[in-house]
mmCIF file of all heavy atoms, coordinates in Angstrom:
data_MODEL
# 
_entry.id   MODEL 
# 
loop_
_atom_site.group_PDB 
_atom_site.id 
_atom_site.type_symbol 
_atom_site.label_atom_id 
_atom_site.label_alt_id 
_atom_site.label_comp_id 
_atom_site.label_asym_id 
_atom_site.label_entity_id 
_atom_site.label_seq_id 
_atom_site.pdbx_PDB_ins_code 
_atom_site.Cartn_x 
_atom_site.Cartn_y 
_atom_site.Cartn_z 
_atom_site.occupancy 
_atom_site.B_iso_or_equiv 
_atom_site.pdbx_formal_charge 
_atom_site.auth_seq_id 
_atom_site.auth_comp_id 
_atom_site.auth_asym_id 
_atom_site.auth_atom_id 
_atom_site.pdbx_PDB_model_num 
ATOM 1   N N   . PRO A 1 1  ? 0.788  -1.240  0.000   1.00 0.00 ? 1  PRO A N   1 
ATOM 2   C CA  . PRO A 1 1  ? 0.000  0.000   0.000   1.00 0.00 ? 1  PRO A CA  1 
ATOM 3   C C   . PRO A 1 1  ? 0.818  1.287   0.000   1.00 0.00 ? 1  PRO A C   1 
ATOM 4   O O   . PRO A 1 1  ? 0.356  2.298   -0.538  1.00 0.00 ? 1  PRO A O   1 
ATOM 5   C CB  . PRO A 1 1  ? -0.841 -0.122  1.278   1.00 0.00 ? 1  PRO A CB  1 
ATOM 6   C CG  . PRO A 1 1  ? -0.978 -1.601  1.491   1.00 0.00 ? 1  PRO A CG  1 
ATOM 7   C CD  . PRO A 1 1  ? 0.347  -2.172  1.065   1.00 0.00 ? 1  PRO A CD  1 
ATOM 8   N N   . HIS A 1 2  ? 2.008  1.290   0.599   1.00 0.00 ? 2  HIS A N   1 
ATOM 9   C CA  . HIS A 1 2  ? 2.758  2.547   0.631   1.00 0.00 ? 2  HIS A CA  1 
ATOM 10  C C   . HIS A 1 2  ? 3.340  2.904   -0.735  1.00 0.00 ? 2  HIS A C   1 
ATOM 11  O O   . HIS A 1 2  ? 3.889  3.996   -0.909  1.00 0.00 ? 2  HIS A O   1 
ATOM 12  C CB  . HIS A 1 2  ? 3.850  2.527   1.706   1.00 0.00 ? 2  HIS A CB  1 
ATOM 13  C CG  . HIS A 1 2  ? 4.855  1.427   1.588   1.00 0.00 ? 2  HIS A CG  1 
ATOM 14  N ND1 . HIS A 1 2  ? 4.536  0.095   1.707   1.00 0.00 ? 2  HIS A ND1 1 
ATOM 15  C CD2 . HIS A 1 2  ? 6.196  1.468   1.374   1.00 0.00 ? 2  HIS A CD2 1 
ATOM 16  C CE1 . HIS A 1 2  ? 5.613  -0.644  1.570   1.00 0.00 ? 2  HIS A CE1 1 
ATOM 17  N NE2 . HIS A 1 2  ? 6.635  0.163   1.361   1.00 0.00 ? 2  HIS A NE2 1 
ATOM 18  N N   . PHE A 1 3  ? 3.190  2.008   -1.725  1.00 0.00 ? 3  PHE A N   1 
ATOM 19  C CA  . PHE A 1 3  ? 3.599  2.332   -3.093  1.00 0.00 ? 3  PHE A CA  1 
ATOM 20  C C   . PHE A 1 3  ? 2.399  2.705   -3.965  1.00 0.00 ? 3  PHE A C   1 
ATOM 21  O O   . PHE A 1 3  ? 2.517  2.727   -5.190  1.00 0.00 ? 3  PHE A O   1 
ATOM 22  C CB  . PHE A 1 3  ? 4.349  1.159   -3.715  1.00 0.00 ? 3  PHE A CB  1 
ATOM 23  C CG  . PHE A 1 3  ? 5.762  1.013   -3.223  1.00 0.00 ? 3  PHE A CG  1 
ATOM 24  C CD1 . PHE A 1 3  ? 6.065  0.132   -2.201  1.00 0.00 ? 3  PHE A CD1 1 
ATOM 25  C CD2 . PHE A 1 3  ? 6.787  1.768   -3.772  1.00 0.00 ? 3  PHE A CD2 1 
ATOM 26  C CE1 . PHE A 1 3  ? 7.357  -0.007  -1.736  1.00 0.00 ? 3  PHE A CE1 1 
ATOM 27  C CE2 . PHE A 1 3  ? 8.092  1.639   -3.309  1.00 0.00 ? 3  PHE A CE2 1 
ATOM 28  C CZ  . PHE A 1 3  ? 8.382  0.756   -2.291  1.00 0.00 ? 3  PHE A CZ  1 
ATOM 29  N N   . ASP A 1 4  ? 1.259  2.994   -3.366  1.00 0.00 ? 4  ASP A N   1 
ATOM 30  C CA  . ASP A 1 4  ? 0.081  3.381   -4.156  1.00 0.00 ? 4  ASP A CA  1 
ATOM 31  C C   . ASP A 1 4  ? 0.425  4.517   -5.112  1.00 0.00 ? 4  ASP A C   1 
ATOM 32  O O   . ASP A 1 4  ? 1.066  5.502   -4.732  1.00 0.00 ? 4  ASP A O   1 
ATOM 33  C CB  . ASP A 1 4  ? -1.064 3.815   -3.233  1.00 0.00 ? 4  ASP A CB  1 
ATOM 34  C CG  . ASP A 1 4  ? -1.960 2.652   -2.846  1.00 0.00 ? 4  ASP A CG  1 
ATOM 35  O OD1 . ASP A 1 4  ? -1.651 1.506   -3.206  1.00 0.00 ? 4  ASP A OD1 1 
ATOM 36  O OD2 . ASP A 1 4  ? -2.983 2.890   -2.168  1.00 0.00 ? 4  ASP A OD2 1 
ATOM 37  N N   . GLY A 1 5  ? -0.029 4.386   -6.330  1.00 0.00 ? 5  GLY A N   1 
ATOM 38  C CA  . GLY A 1 5  ? 0.341  5.301   -7.397  1.00 0.00 ? 5  GLY A CA  1 
ATOM 39  C C   . GLY A 1 5  ? 1.356  4.664   -8.320  1.00 0.00 ? 5  GLY A C   1 
ATOM 40  O O   . GLY A 1 5  ? 1.393  4.940   -9.512  1.00 0.00 ? 5  GLY A O   1 
ATOM 41  N N   . ALA A 1 6  ? 2.181  3.780   -7.748  1.00 0.00 ? 6  ALA A N   1 
ATOM 42  C CA  . ALA A 1 6  ? 3.142  2.994   -8.528  1.00 0.00 ? 6  ALA A CA  1 
ATOM 43  C C   . ALA A 1 6  ? 3.151  1.555   -7.997  1.00 0.00 ? 6  ALA A C   1 
ATOM 44  O O   . ALA A 1 6  ? 4.154  0.867   -8.066  1.00 0.00 ? 6  ALA A O   1 
ATOM 45  C CB  . ALA A 1 6  ? 4.536  3.602   -8.442  1.00 0.00 ? 6  ALA A CB  1 
ATOM 46  N N   . GLU A 1 7  ? 1.993  1.145   -7.461  1.00 0.00 ? 7  GLU A N   1 
ATOM 47  C CA  . GLU A 1 7  ? 1.893  -0.201  -6.877  1.00 0.00 ? 7  GLU A CA  1 
ATOM 48  C C   . GLU A 1 7  ? 2.135  -1.295  -7.908  1.00 0.00 ? 7  GLU A C   1 
ATOM 49  O O   . GLU A 1 7  ? 2.667  -2.368  -7.592  1.00 0.00 ? 7  GLU A O   1 
ATOM 50  C CB  . GLU A 1 7  ? 0.529  -0.397  -6.198  1.00 0.00 ? 7  GLU A CB  1 
ATOM 51  C CG  . GLU A 1 7  ? -0.663 -0.589  -7.132  1.00 0.00 ? 7  GLU A CG  1 
ATOM 52  C CD  . GLU A 1 7  ? -1.084 0.661   -7.873  1.00 0.00 ? 7  GLU A CD  1 
ATOM 53  O OE1 . GLU A 1 7  ? -0.768 1.774   -7.398  1.00 0.00 ? 7  GLU A OE1 1 
ATOM 54  O OE2 . GLU A 1 7  ? -1.742 0.529   -8.928  1.00 0.00 ? 7  GLU A OE2 1 
ATOM 55  N N   . ASP A 1 8  ? 1.766  -1.026  -9.169  1.00 0.00 ? 8  ASP A N   1 
ATOM 56  C CA  . ASP A 1 8  ? 2.005  -2.006  -10.225 1.00 0.00 ? 8  ASP A CA  1 
ATOM 57  C C   . ASP A 1 8  ? 3.501  -2.130  -10.526 1.00 0.00 ? 8  ASP A C   1 
ATOM 58  O O   . ASP A 1 8  ? 4.034  -3.241  -10.652 1.00 0.00 ? 8  ASP A O   1 
ATOM 59  C CB  . ASP A 1 8  ? 1.228  -1.638  -11.491 1.00 0.00 ? 8  ASP A CB  1 
ATOM 60  C CG  . ASP A 1 8  ? 1.469  -0.206  -11.957 1.00 0.00 ? 8  ASP A CG  1 
ATOM 61  O OD1 . ASP A 1 8  ? 1.966  0.624   -11.176 1.00 0.00 ? 8  ASP A OD1 1 
ATOM 62  O OD2 . ASP A 1 8  ? 1.130  0.079   -13.125 1.00 0.00 ? 8  ASP A OD2 1 
ATOM 63  N N   . TYR A 1 9  ? 4.182  -0.998  -10.628 1.00 0.00 ? 9  TYR A N   1 
ATOM 64  C CA  . TYR A 1 9  ? 5.622  -0.996  -10.915 1.00 0.00 ? 9  TYR A CA  1 
ATOM 65  C C   . TYR A 1 9  ? 6.389  -1.718  -9.811  1.00 0.00 ? 9  TYR A C   1 
ATOM 66  O O   . TYR A 1 9  ? 7.278  -2.529  -10.079 1.00 0.00 ? 9  TYR A O   1 
ATOM 67  C CB  . TYR A 1 9  ? 6.086  0.447   -11.045 1.00 0.00 ? 9  TYR A CB  1 
ATOM 68  C CG  . TYR A 1 9  ? 7.504  0.641   -11.541 1.00 0.00 ? 9  TYR A CG  1 
ATOM 69  C CD1 . TYR A 1 9  ? 8.084  -0.223  -12.454 1.00 0.00 ? 9  TYR A CD1 1 
ATOM 70  C CD2 . TYR A 1 9  ? 8.267  1.724   -11.091 1.00 0.00 ? 9  TYR A CD2 1 
ATOM 71  C CE1 . TYR A 1 9  ? 9.377  -0.017  -12.917 1.00 0.00 ? 9  TYR A CE1 1 
ATOM 72  C CE2 . TYR A 1 9  ? 9.548  1.942   -11.545 1.00 0.00 ? 9  TYR A CE2 1 
ATOM 73  C CZ  . TYR A 1 9  ? 10.106 1.067   -12.461 1.00 0.00 ? 9  TYR A CZ  1 
ATOM 74  O OH  . TYR A 1 9  ? 11.382 1.261   -12.918 1.00 0.00 ? 9  TYR A OH  1 
ATOM 75  N N   . ASP A 1 10 ? 6.047  -1.437  -8.575  1.00 0.00 ? 10 ASP A N   1 
ATOM 76  C CA  . ASP A 1 10 ? 6.684  -2.121  -7.455  1.00 0.00 ? 10 ASP A CA  1 
ATOM 77  C C   . ASP A 1 10 ? 6.461  -3.633  -7.542  1.00 0.00 ? 10 ASP A C   1 
ATOM 78  O O   . ASP A 1 10 ? 7.385  -4.419  -7.298  1.00 0.00 ? 10 ASP A O   1 
ATOM 79  C CB  . ASP A 1 10 ? 6.136  -1.578  -6.131  1.00 0.00 ? 10 ASP A CB  1 
ATOM 80  C CG  . ASP A 1 10 ? 6.637  -2.351  -4.926  1.00 0.00 ? 10 ASP A CG  1 
ATOM 81  O OD1 . ASP A 1 10 ? 7.870  -2.374  -4.713  1.00 0.00 ? 10 ASP A OD1 1 
ATOM 82  O OD2 . ASP A 1 10 ? 5.811  -2.938  -4.207  1.00 0.00 ? 10 ASP A OD2 1 
ATOM 83  N N   . LEU A 1 11 ? 5.251  -4.035  -7.919  1.00 0.00 ? 11 LEU A N   1 
ATOM 84  C CA  . LEU A 1 11 ? 4.957  -5.461  -8.047  1.00 0.00 ? 11 LEU A CA  1 
ATOM 85  C C   . LEU A 1 11 ? 5.798  -6.098  -9.152  1.00 0.00 ? 11 LEU A C   1 
ATOM 86  O O   . LEU A 1 11 ? 6.378  -7.181  -8.964  1.00 0.00 ? 11 LEU A O   1 
ATOM 87  C CB  . LEU A 1 11 ? 3.477  -5.666  -8.339  1.00 0.00 ? 11 LEU A CB  1 
ATOM 88  C CG  . LEU A 1 11 ? 3.034  -7.126  -8.516  1.00 0.00 ? 11 LEU A CG  1 
ATOM 89  C CD1 . LEU A 1 11 ? 3.099  -7.873  -7.190  1.00 0.00 ? 11 LEU A CD1 1 
ATOM 90  C CD2 . LEU A 1 11 ? 1.644  -7.208  -9.111  1.00 0.00 ? 11 LEU A CD2 1 
ATOM 91  N N   . TYR A 1 12 ? 5.893  -5.447  -10.304 1.00 0.00 ? 12 TYR A N   1 
ATOM 92  C CA  . TYR A 1 12 ? 6.669  -6.010  -11.409 1.00 0.00 ? 12 TYR A CA  1 
ATOM 93  C C   . TYR A 1 12 ? 8.129  -6.199  -11.009 1.00 0.00 ? 12 TYR A C   1 
ATOM 94  O O   . TYR A 1 12 ? 8.733  -7.237  -11.311 1.00 0.00 ? 12 TYR A O   1 
ATOM 95  C CB  . TYR A 1 12 ? 6.616  -5.097  -12.641 1.00 0.00 ? 12 TYR A CB  1 
ATOM 96  C CG  . TYR A 1 12 ? 5.240  -4.720  -13.111 1.00 0.00 ? 12 TYR A CG  1 
ATOM 97  C CD1 . TYR A 1 12 ? 5.025  -3.520  -13.792 1.00 0.00 ? 12 TYR A CD1 1 
ATOM 98  C CD2 . TYR A 1 12 ? 4.129  -5.529  -12.882 1.00 0.00 ? 12 TYR A CD2 1 
ATOM 99  C CE1 . TYR A 1 12 ? 3.772  -3.149  -14.235 1.00 0.00 ? 12 TYR A CE1 1 
ATOM 100 C CE2 . TYR A 1 12 ? 2.863  -5.157  -13.318 1.00 0.00 ? 12 TYR A CE2 1 
ATOM 101 C CZ  . TYR A 1 12 ? 2.696  -3.962  -13.987 1.00 0.00 ? 12 TYR A CZ  1 
ATOM 102 O OH  . TYR A 1 12 ? 1.453  -3.590  -14.421 1.00 0.00 ? 12 TYR A OH  1 
ATOM 103 N N   . LEU A 1 13 ? 8.692  -5.177  -10.364 1.00 0.00 ? 13 LEU A N   1 
ATOM 104 C CA  . LEU A 1 13 ? 10.103 -5.255  -9.975  1.00 0.00 ? 13 LEU A CA  1 
ATOM 105 C C   . LEU A 1 13 ? 10.341 -6.384  -8.977  1.00 0.00 ? 13 LEU A C   1 
ATOM 106 O O   . LEU A 1 13 ? 11.364 -7.071  -9.025  1.00 0.00 ? 13 LEU A O   1 
ATOM 107 C CB  . LEU A 1 13 ? 10.558 -3.914  -9.393  1.00 0.00 ? 13 LEU A CB  1 
ATOM 108 C CG  . LEU A 1 13 ? 10.692 -2.771  -10.414 1.00 0.00 ? 13 LEU A CG  1 
ATOM 109 C CD1 . LEU A 1 13 ? 10.823 -1.433  -9.703  1.00 0.00 ? 13 LEU A CD1 1 
ATOM 110 C CD2 . LEU A 1 13 ? 11.884 -3.001  -11.335 1.00 0.00 ? 13 LEU A CD2 1 
ATOM 111 N N   . ARG A 1 14 ? 9.405  -6.602  -8.074  1.00 0.00 ? 14 ARG A N   1 
ATOM 112 C CA  . ARG A 1 14 ? 9.555  -7.711  -7.127  1.00 0.00 ? 14 ARG A CA  1 
ATOM 113 C C   . ARG A 1 14 ? 9.353  -9.056  -7.804  1.00 0.00 ? 14 ARG A C   1 
ATOM 114 O O   . ARG A 1 14 ? 10.024 -10.030 -7.475  1.00 0.00 ? 14 ARG A O   1 
ATOM 115 C CB  . ARG A 1 14 ? 8.585  -7.531  -5.956  1.00 0.00 ? 14 ARG A CB  1 
ATOM 116 C CG  . ARG A 1 14 ? 8.980  -6.398  -5.014  1.00 0.00 ? 14 ARG A CG  1 
ATOM 117 C CD  . ARG A 1 14 ? 8.062  -6.305  -3.808  1.00 0.00 ? 14 ARG A CD  1 
ATOM 118 N NE  . ARG A 1 14 ? 6.726  -5.874  -4.171  1.00 0.00 ? 14 ARG A NE  1 
ATOM 119 C CZ  . ARG A 1 14 ? 5.601  -6.429  -3.721  1.00 0.00 ? 14 ARG A CZ  1 
ATOM 120 N NH1 . ARG A 1 14 ? 5.669  -7.478  -2.916  1.00 0.00 ? 14 ARG A NH1 1 
ATOM 121 N NH2 . ARG A 1 14 ? 4.420  -5.962  -4.075  1.00 0.00 ? 14 ARG A NH2 1 
ATOM 122 N N   . LEU A 1 15 ? 8.442  -9.116  -8.778  1.00 0.00 ? 15 LEU A N   1 
ATOM 123 C CA  . LEU A 1 15 ? 8.216  -10.380 -9.495  1.00 0.00 ? 15 LEU A CA  1 
ATOM 124 C C   . LEU A 1 15 ? 9.429  -10.792 -10.317 1.00 0.00 ? 15 LEU A C   1 
ATOM 125 O O   . LEU A 1 15 ? 9.638  -11.988 -10.559 1.00 0.00 ? 15 LEU A O   1 
ATOM 126 C CB  . LEU A 1 15 ? 6.992  -10.261 -10.403 1.00 0.00 ? 15 LEU A CB  1 
ATOM 127 C CG  . LEU A 1 15 ? 5.640  -10.631 -9.791  1.00 0.00 ? 15 LEU A CG  1 
ATOM 128 C CD1 . LEU A 1 15 ? 4.526  -10.387 -10.801 1.00 0.00 ? 15 LEU A CD1 1 
ATOM 129 C CD2 . LEU A 1 15 ? 5.620  -12.085 -9.320  1.00 0.00 ? 15 LEU A CD2 1 
ATOM 130 N N   . LEU A 1 16 ? 10.221 -9.830  -10.776 1.00 0.00 ? 16 LEU A N   1 
ATOM 131 C CA  . LEU A 1 16 ? 11.435 -10.159 -11.518 1.00 0.00 ? 16 LEU A CA  1 
ATOM 132 C C   . LEU A 1 16 ? 12.383 -11.019 -10.696 1.00 0.00 ? 16 LEU A C   1 
ATOM 133 O O   . LEU A 1 16 ? 13.187 -11.777 -11.252 1.00 0.00 ? 16 LEU A O   1 
ATOM 134 C CB  . LEU A 1 16 ? 12.163 -8.882  -11.952 1.00 0.00 ? 16 LEU A CB  1 
ATOM 135 C CG  . LEU A 1 16 ? 11.554 -8.095  -13.108 1.00 0.00 ? 16 LEU A CG  1 
ATOM 136 C CD1 . LEU A 1 16 ? 12.365 -6.824  -13.344 1.00 0.00 ? 16 LEU A CD1 1 
ATOM 137 C CD2 . LEU A 1 16 ? 11.494 -8.922  -14.385 1.00 0.00 ? 16 LEU A CD2 1 
ATOM 138 N N   . GLU A 1 17 ? 12.284 -10.917 -9.381  1.00 0.00 ? 17 GLU A N   1 
ATOM 139 C CA  . GLU A 1 17 ? 13.133 -11.714 -8.497  1.00 0.00 ? 17 GLU A CA  1 
ATOM 140 C C   . GLU A 1 17 ? 12.574 -13.129 -8.315  1.00 0.00 ? 17 GLU A C   1 
ATOM 141 O O   . GLU A 1 17 ? 13.226 -13.998 -7.745  1.00 0.00 ? 17 GLU A O   1 
ATOM 142 C CB  . GLU A 1 17 ? 13.261 -11.015 -7.142  1.00 0.00 ? 17 GLU A CB  1 
ATOM 143 C CG  . GLU A 1 17 ? 13.863 -9.613  -7.249  1.00 0.00 ? 17 GLU A CG  1 
ATOM 144 C CD  . GLU A 1 17 ? 13.571 -8.753  -6.028  1.00 0.00 ? 17 GLU A CD  1 
ATOM 145 O OE1 . GLU A 1 17 ? 13.416 -9.318  -4.929  1.00 0.00 ? 17 GLU A OE1 1 
ATOM 146 O OE2 . GLU A 1 17 ? 13.495 -7.518  -6.173  1.00 0.00 ? 17 GLU A OE2 1 
ATOM 147 N N   . TYR A 1 18 ? 11.369 -13.338 -8.812  1.00 0.00 ? 18 TYR A N   1 
ATOM 148 C CA  . TYR A 1 18 ? 10.662 -14.612 -8.642  1.00 0.00 ? 18 TYR A CA  1 
ATOM 149 C C   . TYR A 1 18 ? 10.634 -15.415 -9.934  1.00 0.00 ? 18 TYR A C   1 
ATOM 150 O O   . TYR A 1 18 ? 10.561 -16.642 -9.919  1.00 0.00 ? 18 TYR A O   1 
ATOM 151 C CB  . TYR A 1 18 ? 9.228  -14.320 -8.171  1.00 0.00 ? 18 TYR A CB  1 
ATOM 152 C CG  . TYR A 1 18 ? 8.525  -15.464 -7.522  1.00 0.00 ? 18 TYR A CG  1 
ATOM 153 C CD1 . TYR A 1 18 ? 8.607  -15.690 -6.151  1.00 0.00 ? 18 TYR A CD1 1 
ATOM 154 C CD2 . TYR A 1 18 ? 7.750  -16.343 -8.285  1.00 0.00 ? 18 TYR A CD2 1 
ATOM 155 C CE1 . TYR A 1 18 ? 7.944  -16.747 -5.555  1.00 0.00 ? 18 TYR A CE1 1 
ATOM 156 C CE2 . TYR A 1 18 ? 7.076  -17.404 -7.690  1.00 0.00 ? 18 TYR A CE2 1 
ATOM 157 C CZ  . TYR A 1 18 ? 7.180  -17.601 -6.322  1.00 0.00 ? 18 TYR A CZ  1 
ATOM 158 O OH  . TYR A 1 18 ? 6.523  -18.654 -5.732  1.00 0.00 ? 18 TYR A OH  1 
ATOM 159 N N   . GLY A 1 19 ? 10.657 -14.733 -11.070 1.00 0.00 ? 19 GLY A N   1 
ATOM 160 C CA  . GLY A 1 19 ? 10.591 -15.407 -12.362 1.00 0.00 ? 19 GLY A CA  1 
ATOM 161 C C   . GLY A 1 19 ? 10.548 -14.397 -13.491 1.00 0.00 ? 19 GLY A C   1 
ATOM 162 O O   . GLY A 1 19 ? 10.850 -13.220 -13.310 1.00 0.00 ? 19 GLY A O   1 
ATOM 163 N N   . LYS A 1 20 ? 10.132 -14.855 -14.659 1.00 0.00 ? 20 LYS A N   1 
ATOM 164 C CA  . LYS A 1 20 ? 10.118 -14.000 -15.844 1.00 0.00 ? 20 LYS A CA  1 
ATOM 165 C C   . LYS A 1 20 ? 8.779  -13.296 -16.025 1.00 0.00 ? 20 LYS A C   1 
ATOM 166 O O   . LYS A 1 20 ? 7.747  -13.754 -15.554 1.00 0.00 ? 20 LYS A O   1 
ATOM 167 C CB  . LYS A 1 20 ? 10.416 -14.845 -17.088 1.00 0.00 ? 20 LYS A CB  1 
ATOM 168 C CG  . LYS A 1 20 ? 11.822 -15.435 -17.125 1.00 0.00 ? 20 LYS A CG  1 
ATOM 169 C CD  . LYS A 1 20 ? 12.040 -16.253 -18.391 1.00 0.00 ? 20 LYS A CD  1 
ATOM 170 C CE  . LYS A 1 20 ? 13.446 -16.841 -18.430 1.00 0.00 ? 20 LYS A CE  1 
ATOM 171 N NZ  . LYS A 1 20 ? 13.658 -17.651 -19.659 1.00 0.00 ? 20 LYS A NZ  1 
ATOM 172 N N   . ILE A 1 21 ? 8.842  -12.181 -16.751 1.00 0.00 ? 21 ILE A N   1 
ATOM 173 C CA  . ILE A 1 21 ? 7.659  -11.425 -17.125 1.00 0.00 ? 21 ILE A CA  1 
ATOM 174 C C   . ILE A 1 21 ? 7.656  -11.298 -18.642 1.00 0.00 ? 21 ILE A C   1 
ATOM 175 O O   . ILE A 1 21 ? 8.687  -10.999 -19.249 1.00 0.00 ? 21 ILE A O   1 
ATOM 176 C CB  . ILE A 1 21 ? 7.656  -10.026 -16.476 1.00 0.00 ? 21 ILE A CB  1 
ATOM 177 C CG1 . ILE A 1 21 ? 7.488  -10.149 -14.961 1.00 0.00 ? 21 ILE A CG1 1 
ATOM 178 C CG2 . ILE A 1 21 ? 6.565  -9.146  -17.060 1.00 0.00 ? 21 ILE A CG2 1 
ATOM 179 C CD1 . ILE A 1 21 ? 7.550  -8.818  -14.218 1.00 0.00 ? 21 ILE A CD1 1 
ATOM 180 N N   . GLY A 1 22 ? 6.500  -11.533 -19.255 1.00 0.00 ? 22 GLY A N   1 
ATOM 181 C CA  . GLY A 1 22 ? 6.389  -11.431 -20.703 1.00 0.00 ? 22 GLY A CA  1 
ATOM 182 C C   . GLY A 1 22 ? 5.222  -10.550 -21.101 1.00 0.00 ? 22 GLY A C   1 
ATOM 183 O O   . GLY A 1 22 ? 4.507  -9.999  -20.264 1.00 0.00 ? 22 GLY A O   1 
ATOM 184 N N   . ALA A 1 23 ? 5.018  -10.415 -22.398 1.00 0.00 ? 23 ALA A N   1 
ATOM 185 C CA  . ALA A 1 23 ? 3.905  -9.611  -22.908 1.00 0.00 ? 23 ALA A CA  1 
ATOM 186 C C   . ALA A 1 23 ? 3.533  -10.087 -24.305 1.00 0.00 ? 23 ALA A C   1 
ATOM 187 O O   . ALA A 1 23 ? 4.346  -10.685 -25.013 1.00 0.00 ? 23 ALA A O   1 
ATOM 188 C CB  . ALA A 1 23 ? 4.267  -8.127  -22.936 1.00 0.00 ? 23 ALA A CB  1 
ATOM 189 N N   . LEU A 1 24 ? 2.303  -9.817  -24.682 1.00 0.00 ? 24 LEU A N   1 
ATOM 190 C CA  . LEU A 1 24 ? 1.777  -10.183 -25.997 1.00 0.00 ? 24 LEU A CA  1 
ATOM 191 C C   . LEU A 1 24 ? 1.809  -9.001  -26.942 1.00 0.00 ? 24 LEU A C   1 
ATOM 192 O O   . LEU A 1 24 ? 1.512  -7.863  -26.550 1.00 0.00 ? 24 LEU A O   1 
ATOM 193 C CB  . LEU A 1 24 ? 0.336  -10.684 -25.874 1.00 0.00 ? 24 LEU A CB  1 
ATOM 194 C CG  . LEU A 1 24 ? 0.153  -12.108 -25.358 1.00 0.00 ? 24 LEU A CG  1 
ATOM 195 C CD1 . LEU A 1 24 ? -1.298 -12.344 -24.960 1.00 0.00 ? 24 LEU A CD1 1 
ATOM 196 C CD2 . LEU A 1 24 ? 0.592  -13.122 -26.406 1.00 0.00 ? 24 LEU A CD2 1 
ATOM 197 N N   . ASN A 1 25 ? 2.132  -9.285  -28.193 1.00 0.00 ? 25 ASN A N   1 
ATOM 198 C CA  . ASN A 1 25 ? 2.189  -8.255  -29.224 1.00 0.00 ? 25 ASN A CA  1 
ATOM 199 C C   . ASN A 1 25 ? 0.797  -8.041  -29.814 1.00 0.00 ? 25 ASN A C   1 
ATOM 200 O O   . ASN A 1 25 ? 0.590  -8.114  -31.027 1.00 0.00 ? 25 ASN A O   1 
ATOM 201 C CB  . ASN A 1 25 ? 3.173  -8.688  -30.314 1.00 0.00 ? 25 ASN A CB  1 
ATOM 202 C CG  . ASN A 1 25 ? 3.372  -7.616  -31.361 1.00 0.00 ? 25 ASN A CG  1 
ATOM 203 O OD1 . ASN A 1 25 ? 3.177  -6.432  -31.093 1.00 0.00 ? 25 ASN A OD1 1 
ATOM 204 N ND2 . ASN A 1 25 ? 3.739  -8.025  -32.561 1.00 0.00 ? 25 ASN A ND2 1 
ATOM 205 N N   . GLU A 1 26 ? -0.179 -7.809  -28.944 1.00 0.00 ? 26 GLU A N   1 
ATOM 206 C CA  . GLU A 1 26 ? -1.560 -7.583  -29.367 1.00 0.00 ? 26 GLU A CA  1 
ATOM 207 C C   . GLU A 1 26 ? -2.198 -6.542  -28.461 1.00 0.00 ? 26 GLU A C   1 
ATOM 208 O O   . GLU A 1 26 ? -1.928 -6.511  -27.261 1.00 0.00 ? 26 GLU A O   1 
ATOM 209 C CB  . GLU A 1 26 ? -2.382 -8.880  -29.275 1.00 0.00 ? 26 GLU A CB  1 
ATOM 210 C CG  . GLU A 1 26 ? -1.965 -9.990  -30.192 1.00 0.00 ? 26 GLU A CG  1 
ATOM 211 C CD  . GLU A 1 26 ? -2.871 -11.202 -30.047 1.00 0.00 ? 26 GLU A CD  1 
ATOM 212 O OE1 . GLU A 1 26 ? -4.000 -11.172 -30.566 1.00 0.00 ? 26 GLU A OE1 1 
ATOM 213 O OE2 . GLU A 1 26 ? -2.448 -12.185 -29.392 1.00 0.00 ? 26 GLU A OE2 1 
# 
């Protein structure tokens, strides 16, 4: 919660330590 406003960015950066992140070209 203390990262509200950038809570998604904080989550992505922490998930990078857990595994890979990908995206679809659509």
